[in-house]
Amino acid sequence: MAAFDTTRTYGSYGLVGRIGATFSAIVASVVEWNDARVTRNALSDLSDRELEDIGMVRGDIETVAKTNRIF
């Protein structure tokens, strides 16, 4: 009688694992985009004086939004 071992993946994710990994990557991309959007909007609402107080100029907003780092 033959036996079929279902407890091993043999180094692959299988179809369900690949679908889950793709879905996770899509969700992570959307979350990253939304974080950048929120950061961009919050910094854009500040005055030039307030930006200067935190060591930024208006031209730095896009870079900070993309990298989530202040220089």
PDB file of N, CA and C in Angstrom:
ATOM      1  N   MET A   1       0.844  -1.172   0.000  1.00  0.00           N
ATOM      2  CA  MET A   1       0.000   0.000   0.000  1.00  0.00           C
ATOM      3  C   MET A   1       0.888   1.233   0.000  1.00  0.00           C
ATOM      4  N   ALA A   2       0.568   2.203  -0.828  1.00  0.00           N
ATOM      5  CA  ALA A   2       1.351   3.432  -0.945  1.00  0.00           C
ATOM      6  C   ALA A   2       0.907   4.435   0.109  1.00  0.00           C
ATOM      7  N   ALA A   3       1.864   5.228   0.552  1.00  0.00           N
ATOM      8  CA  ALA A   3       1.569   6.283   1.525  1.00  0.00           C
ATOM      9  C   ALA A   3       1.885   7.634   0.900  1.00  0.00           C
ATOM     10  N   PHE A   4       1.097   8.609   1.204  1.00  0.00           N
ATOM     11  CA  PHE A   4       1.313   9.961   0.693  1.00  0.00           C
ATOM     12  C   PHE A   4       1.586  10.865   1.877  1.00  0.00           C
ATOM     13  N   ASP A   5       2.792  11.445   1.917  1.00  0.00           N
ATOM     14  CA  ASP A   5       3.205  12.285   3.038  1.00  0.00           C
ATOM     15  C   ASP A   5       2.747  13.720   2.804  1.00  0.00           C
ATOM     16  N   THR A   6       1.854  14.208   3.639  1.00  0.00           N
ATOM     17  CA  THR A   6       1.333  15.577   3.494  1.00  0.00           C
ATOM     18  C   THR A   6       1.921  16.531   4.507  1.00  0.00           C
ATOM     19  N   THR A   7       2.920  16.095   5.266  1.00  0.00           N
ATOM     20  CA  THR A   7       3.463  16.955   6.317  1.00  0.00           C
ATOM     21  C   THR A   7       4.683  17.740   5.875  1.00  0.00           C
ATOM     22  N   ARG A   8       5.172  17.521   4.685  1.00  0.00           N
ATOM     23  CA  ARG A   8       6.374  18.217   4.216  1.00  0.00           C
ATOM     24  C   ARG A   8       6.050  19.077   3.011  1.00  0.00           C
ATOM     25  N   THR A   9       6.752  20.199   2.917  1.00  0.00           N
ATOM     26  CA  THR A   9       6.541  21.085   1.775  1.00  0.00           C
ATOM     27  C   THR A   9       7.641  20.923   0.738  1.00  0.00           C
ATOM     28  N   TYR A  10       8.729  20.291   1.080  1.00  0.00           N
ATOM     29  CA  TYR A  10       9.835  20.031   0.168  1.00  0.00           C
ATOM     30  C   TYR A  10      10.371  21.306  -0.475  1.00  0.00           C
ATOM     31  N   GLY A  11      10.479  22.352   0.317  1.00  0.00           N
ATOM     32  CA  GLY A  11      11.105  23.577  -0.144  1.00  0.00           C
ATOM     33  C   GLY A  11      10.255  24.500  -0.981  1.00  0.00           C
ATOM     34  N   SER A  12       8.987  24.240  -1.125  1.00  0.00           N
ATOM     35  CA  SER A  12       8.150  25.157  -1.885  1.00  0.00           C
ATOM     36  C   SER A  12       6.967  25.588  -1.026  1.00  0.00           C
ATOM     37  N   TYR A  13       6.393  26.703  -1.397  1.00  0.00           N
ATOM     38  CA  TYR A  13       5.256  27.235  -0.649  1.00  0.00           C
ATOM     39  C   TYR A  13       3.943  26.621  -1.099  1.00  0.00           C
ATOM     40  N   GLY A  14       3.904  26.144  -2.272  1.00  0.00           N
ATOM     41  CA  GLY A  14       2.643  25.652  -2.806  1.00  0.00           C
ATOM     42  C   GLY A  14       1.799  26.817  -3.284  1.00  0.00           C
ATOM     43  N   LEU A  15       0.720  26.504  -3.922  1.00  0.00           N
ATOM     44  CA  LEU A  15      -0.139  27.540  -4.484  1.00  0.00           C
ATOM     45  C   LEU A  15      -0.723  28.443  -3.414  1.00  0.00           C
ATOM     46  N   VAL A  16      -1.222  27.878  -2.343  1.00  0.00           N
ATOM     47  CA  VAL A  16      -1.839  28.670  -1.284  1.00  0.00           C
ATOM     48  C   VAL A  16      -0.811  29.588  -0.630  1.00  0.00           C
ATOM     49  N   GLY A  17       0.392  29.093  -0.421  1.00  0.00           N
ATOM     50  CA  GLY A  17       1.444  29.913   0.176  1.00  0.00           C
ATOM     51  C   GLY A  17       1.852  31.064  -0.722  1.00  0.00           C
ATOM     52  N   ARG A  18       1.923  30.816  -2.017  1.00  0.00           N
ATOM     53  CA  ARG A  18       2.281  31.883  -2.964  1.00  0.00           C
ATOM     54  C   ARG A  18       1.189  32.936  -3.036  1.00  0.00           C
ATOM     55  N   ILE A  19      -0.058  32.505  -2.998  1.00  0.00           N
ATOM     56  CA  ILE A  19      -1.172  33.459  -3.003  1.00  0.00           C
ATOM     57  C   ILE A  19      -1.135  34.295  -1.723  1.00  0.00           C
ATOM     58  N   GLY A  20      -0.885  33.651  -0.604  1.00  0.00           N
ATOM     59  CA  GLY A  20      -0.796  34.377   0.664  1.00  0.00           C
ATOM     60  C   GLY A  20       0.364  35.356   0.676  1.00  0.00           C
ATOM     61  N   ALA A  21       1.510  34.966   0.131  1.00  0.00           N
ATOM     62  CA  ALA A  21       2.666  35.857   0.075  1.00  0.00           C
ATOM     63  C   ALA A  21       2.388  37.053  -0.830  1.00  0.00           C
ATOM     64  N   THR A  22       1.710  36.823  -1.946  1.00  0.00           N
ATOM     65  CA  THR A  22       1.355  37.914  -2.856  1.00  0.00           C
ATOM     66  C   THR A  22       0.382  38.871  -2.183  1.00  0.00           C
ATOM     67  N   PHE A  23      -0.618  38.334  -1.508  1.00  0.00           N
ATOM     68  CA  PHE A  23      -1.589  39.167  -0.800  1.00  0.00           C
ATOM     69  C   PHE A  23      -0.898  39.990   0.283  1.00  0.00           C
ATOM     70  N   SER A  24       0.020  39.375   1.027  1.00  0.00           N
ATOM     71  CA  SER A  24       0.757  40.089   2.068  1.00  0.00           C
ATOM     72  C   SER A  24       1.594  41.212   1.480  1.00  0.00           C
ATOM     73  N   ALA A  25       2.216  40.975   0.341  1.00  0.00           N
ATOM     74  CA  ALA A  25       3.023  42.007  -0.316  1.00  0.00           C
ATOM     75  C   ALA A  25       2.151  43.172  -0.779  1.00  0.00           C
ATOM     76  N   ILE A  26       0.971  42.866  -1.285  1.00  0.00           N
ATOM     77  CA  ILE A  26       0.050  43.921  -1.722  1.00  0.00           C
ATOM     78  C   ILE A  26      -0.404  44.751  -0.529  1.00  0.00           C
ATOM     79  N   VAL A  27      -0.777  44.091   0.553  1.00  0.00           N
ATOM     80  CA  VAL A  27      -1.207  44.806   1.761  1.00  0.00           C
ATOM     81  C   VAL A  27      -0.075  45.670   2.295  1.00  0.00           C
ATOM     82  N   ALA A  28       1.141  45.158   2.323  1.00  0.00           N
ATOM     83  CA  ALA A  28       2.288  45.929   2.809  1.00  0.00           C
ATOM     84  C   ALA A  28       2.524  47.162   1.939  1.00  0.00           C
ATOM     85  N   SER A  29       2.356  47.028   0.640  1.00  0.00           N
ATOM     86  CA  SER A  29       2.528  48.167  -0.263  1.00  0.00           C
ATOM     87  C   SER A  29       1.472  49.243  -0.014  1.00  0.00           C
ATOM     88  N   VAL A  30       0.244  48.835   0.202  1.00  0.00           N
ATOM     89  CA  VAL A  30      -0.830  49.788   0.469  1.00  0.00           C
ATOM     90  C   VAL A  30      -0.587  50.498   1.802  1.00  0.00           C
ATOM     91  N   VAL A  31      -0.164  49.762   2.809  1.00  0.00           N
ATOM     92  CA  VAL A  31       0.122  50.365   4.118  1.00  0.00           C
ATOM     93  C   VAL A  31       1.268  51.362   3.996  1.00  0.00           C
ATOM     94  N   GLU A  32       2.320  51.006   3.264  1.00  0.00           N
ATOM     95  CA  GLU A  32       3.460  51.902   3.070  1.00  0.00           C
ATOM     96  C   GLU A  32       3.032  53.173   2.326  1.00  0.00           C
ATOM     97  N   TRP A  33       2.220  53.026   1.296  1.00  0.00           N
ATOM     98  CA  TRP A  33       1.720  54.175   0.548  1.00  0.00           C
ATOM     99  C   TRP A  33       0.891  55.084   1.450  1.00  0.00           C
ATOM    100  N   ASN A  34       0.034  54.496   2.269  1.00  0.00           N
ATOM    101  CA  ASN A  34      -0.821  55.294   3.147  1.00  0.00           C
ATOM    102  C   ASN A  34       0.009  56.020   4.207  1.00  0.00           C
ATOM    103  N   ASP A  35       1.020  55.379   4.762  1.00  0.00           N
ATOM    104  CA  ASP A  35       1.890  56.035   5.740  1.00  0.00           C
ATOM    105  C   ASP A  35       2.585  57.247   5.116  1.00  0.00           C
ATOM    106  N   ALA A  36       3.063  57.087   3.893  1.00  0.00           N
ATOM    107  CA  ALA A  36       3.724  58.197   3.203  1.00  0.00           C
ATOM    108  C   ALA A  36       2.730  59.321   2.939  1.00  0.00           C
ATOM    109  N   ARG A  37       1.516  58.976   2.574  1.00  0.00           N
ATOM    110  CA  ARG A  37       0.477  59.979   2.315  1.00  0.00           C
ATOM    111  C   ARG A  37       0.142  60.770   3.572  1.00  0.00           C
ATOM    112  N   VAL A  38      -0.016  60.073   4.694  1.00  0.00           N
ATOM    113  CA  VAL A  38      -0.339  60.732   5.957  1.00  0.00           C
ATOM    114  C   VAL A  38       0.812  61.642   6.392  1.00  0.00           C
ATOM    115  N   THR A  39       2.045  61.158   6.262  1.00  0.00           N
ATOM    116  CA  THR A  39       3.216  61.959   6.624  1.00  0.00           C
ATOM    117  C   THR A  39       3.301  63.200   5.747  1.00  0.00           C
ATOM    118  N   ARG A  40       3.120  63.022   4.432  1.00  0.00           N
ATOM    119  CA  ARG A  40       3.171  64.138   3.493  1.00  0.00           C
ATOM    120  C   ARG A  40       2.113  65.186   3.839  1.00  0.00           C
ATOM    121  N   ASN A  41       0.901  64.759   4.131  1.00  0.00           N
ATOM    122  CA  ASN A  41      -0.173  65.698   4.461  1.00  0.00           C
ATOM    123  C   ASN A  41       0.098  66.428   5.772  1.00  0.00           C
ATOM    124  N   ALA A  42       0.600  65.710   6.773  1.00  0.00           N
ATOM    125  CA  ALA A  42       0.879  66.347   8.069  1.00  0.00           C
ATOM    126  C   ALA A  42       1.984  67.395   7.938  1.00  0.00           C
ATOM    127  N   LEU A  43       3.041  67.052   7.211  1.00  0.00           N
ATOM    128  CA  LEU A  43       4.135  68.010   7.047  1.00  0.00           C
ATOM    129  C   LEU A  43       3.728  69.179   6.161  1.00  0.00           C
ATOM    130  N   SER A  44       2.894  68.947   5.181  1.00  0.00           N
ATOM    131  CA  SER A  44       2.441  70.028   4.305  1.00  0.00           C
ATOM    132  C   SER A  44       1.573  71.035   5.043  1.00  0.00           C
ATOM    133  N   ASP A  45       0.895  70.596   6.086  1.00  0.00           N
ATOM    134  CA  ASP A  45       0.050  71.494   6.874  1.00  0.00           C
ATOM    135  C   ASP A  45       0.857  72.431   7.766  1.00  0.00           C
ATOM    136  N   LEU A  46       2.140  72.130   7.989  1.00  0.00           N
ATOM    137  CA  LEU A  46       2.969  72.982   8.843  1.00  0.00           C
ATOM    138  C   LEU A  46       3.392  74.234   8.084  1.00  0.00           C
ATOM    139  N   SER A  47       3.604  75.305   8.839  1.00  0.00           N
ATOM    140  CA  SER A  47       4.101  76.536   8.227  1.00  0.00           C
ATOM    141  C   SER A  47       5.601  76.405   7.967  1.00  0.00           C
ATOM    142  N   ASP A  48       6.150  77.321   7.189  1.00  0.00           N
ATOM    143  CA  ASP A  48       7.581  77.304   6.926  1.00  0.00           C
ATOM    144  C   ASP A  48       8.373  77.467   8.220  1.00  0.00           C
ATOM    145  N   ARG A  49       7.870  78.267   9.121  1.00  0.00           N
ATOM    146  CA  ARG A  49       8.538  78.473  10.418  1.00  0.00           C
ATOM    147  C   ARG A  49       8.546  77.182  11.235  1.00  0.00           C
ATOM    148  N   GLU A  50       7.444  76.465  11.250  1.00  0.00           N
ATOM    149  CA  GLU A  50       7.374  75.207  11.990  1.00  0.00           C
ATOM    150  C   GLU A  50       8.294  74.152  11.371  1.00  0.00           C
ATOM    151  N   LEU A  51       8.355  74.122  10.045  1.00  0.00           N
ATOM    152  CA  LEU A  51       9.272  73.200   9.383  1.00  0.00           C
ATOM    153  C   LEU A  51      10.721  73.544   9.729  1.00  0.00           C
ATOM    154  N   GLU A  52      11.031  74.835   9.758  1.00  0.00           N
ATOM    155  CA  GLU A  52      12.386  75.269  10.118  1.00  0.00           C
ATOM    156  C   GLU A  52      12.730  74.850  11.546  1.00  0.00           C
ATOM    157  N   ASP A  53      11.758  74.889  12.436  1.00  0.00           N
ATOM    158  CA  ASP A  53      11.986  74.488  13.832  1.00  0.00           C
ATOM    159  C   ASP A  53      12.404  73.019  13.942  1.00  0.00           C
ATOM    160  N   ILE A  54      11.944  72.180  13.031  1.00  0.00           N
ATOM    161  CA  ILE A  54      12.335  70.765  13.081  1.00  0.00           C
ATOM    162  C   ILE A  54      13.457  70.455  12.091  1.00  0.00           C
ATOM    163  N   GLY A  55      14.062  71.519  11.541  1.00  0.00           N
ATOM    164  CA  GLY A  55      15.228  71.341  10.686  1.00  0.00           C
ATOM    165  C   GLY A  55      14.917  70.909   9.270  1.00  0.00           C
ATOM    166  N   MET A  56      13.779  71.323   8.760  1.00  0.00           N
ATOM    167  CA  MET A  56      13.372  70.936   7.409  1.00  0.00           C
ATOM    168  C   MET A  56      13.001  72.160   6.598  1.00  0.00           C
ATOM    169  N   VAL A  57      12.992  71.990   5.296  1.00  0.00           N
ATOM    170  CA  VAL A  57      12.412  72.974   4.384  1.00  0.00           C
ATOM    171  C   VAL A  57      11.322  72.264   3.603  1.00  0.00           C
ATOM    172  N   ARG A  58      10.491  73.043   2.948  1.00  0.00           N
ATOM    173  CA  ARG A  58       9.346  72.458   2.246  1.00  0.00           C
ATOM    174  C   ARG A  58       9.779  71.430   1.195  1.00  0.00           C
ATOM    175  N   GLY A  59      10.945  71.598   0.610  1.00  0.00           N
ATOM    176  CA  GLY A  59      11.436  70.668  -0.393  1.00  0.00           C
ATOM    177  C   GLY A  59      11.809  69.299   0.159  1.00  0.00           C
ATOM    178  N   ASP A  60      11.969  69.189   1.487  1.00  0.00           N
ATOM    179  CA  ASP A  60      12.325  67.910   2.109  1.00  0.00           C
ATOM    180  C   ASP A  60      11.117  67.005   2.354  1.00  0.00           C
ATOM    181  N   ILE A  61       9.921  67.520   2.215  1.00  0.00           N
ATOM    182  CA  ILE A  61       8.714  66.774   2.590  1.00  0.00           C
ATOM    183  C   ILE A  61       8.594  65.470   1.815  1.00  0.00           C
ATOM    184  N   GLU A  62       8.777  65.517   0.507  1.00  0.00           N
ATOM    185  CA  GLU A  62       8.612  64.304  -0.304  1.00  0.00           C
ATOM    186  C   GLU A  62       9.633  63.241   0.072  1.00  0.00           C
ATOM    187  N   THR A  63      10.883  63.657   0.316  1.00  0.00           N
ATOM    188  CA  THR A  63      11.927  62.698   0.688  1.00  0.00           C
ATOM    189  C   THR A  63      11.617  62.059   2.034  1.00  0.00           C
ATOM    190  N   VAL A  64      11.183  62.854   2.975  1.00  0.00           N
ATOM    191  CA  VAL A  64      10.843  62.321   4.298  1.00  0.00           C
ATOM    192  C   VAL A  64       9.640  61.393   4.212  1.00  0.00           C
ATOM    193  N   ALA A  65       8.665  61.724   3.400  1.00  0.00           N
ATOM    194  CA  ALA A  65       7.475  60.888   3.251  1.00  0.00           C
ATOM    195  C   ALA A  65       7.830  59.538   2.647  1.00  0.00           C
ATOM    196  N   LYS A  66       8.753  59.520   1.679  1.00  0.00           N
ATOM    197  CA  LYS A  66       9.128  58.271   1.035  1.00  0.00           C
ATOM    198  C   LYS A  66      10.008  57.395   1.917  1.00  0.00           C
ATOM    199  N   THR A  67      10.901  58.018   2.694  1.00  0.00           N
ATOM    200  CA  THR A  67      11.863  57.238   3.477  1.00  0.00           C
ATOM    201  C   THR A  67      11.490  57.110   4.943  1.00  0.00           C
ATOM    202  N   ASN A  68      10.519  57.912   5.404  1.00  0.00           N
ATOM    203  CA  ASN A  68      10.117  57.938   6.822  1.00  0.00           C
ATOM    204  C   ASN A  68      11.300  58.248   7.735  1.00  0.00           C
ATOM    205  N   ARG A  69      12.216  59.083   7.256  1.00  0.00           N
ATOM    206  CA  ARG A  69      13.359  59.510   8.069  1.00  0.00           C
ATOM    207  C   ARG A  69      13.486  61.015   7.996  1.00  0.00           C
ATOM    208  N   ILE A  70      13.873  61.609   9.102  1.00  0.00           N
ATOM    209  CA  ILE A  70      14.233  63.029   9.117  1.00  0.00           C
ATOM    210  C   ILE A  70      15.738  63.082   9.123  1.00  0.00           C
ATOM    211  N   PHE A  71      16.303  63.949   8.308  1.00  0.00           N
ATOM    212  CA  PHE A  71      17.759  64.019   8.121  1.00  0.00           C
ATOM    213  C   PHE A  71      18.487  64.216   9.405  1.00  0.00           C
TER     214      PHE A  71
END
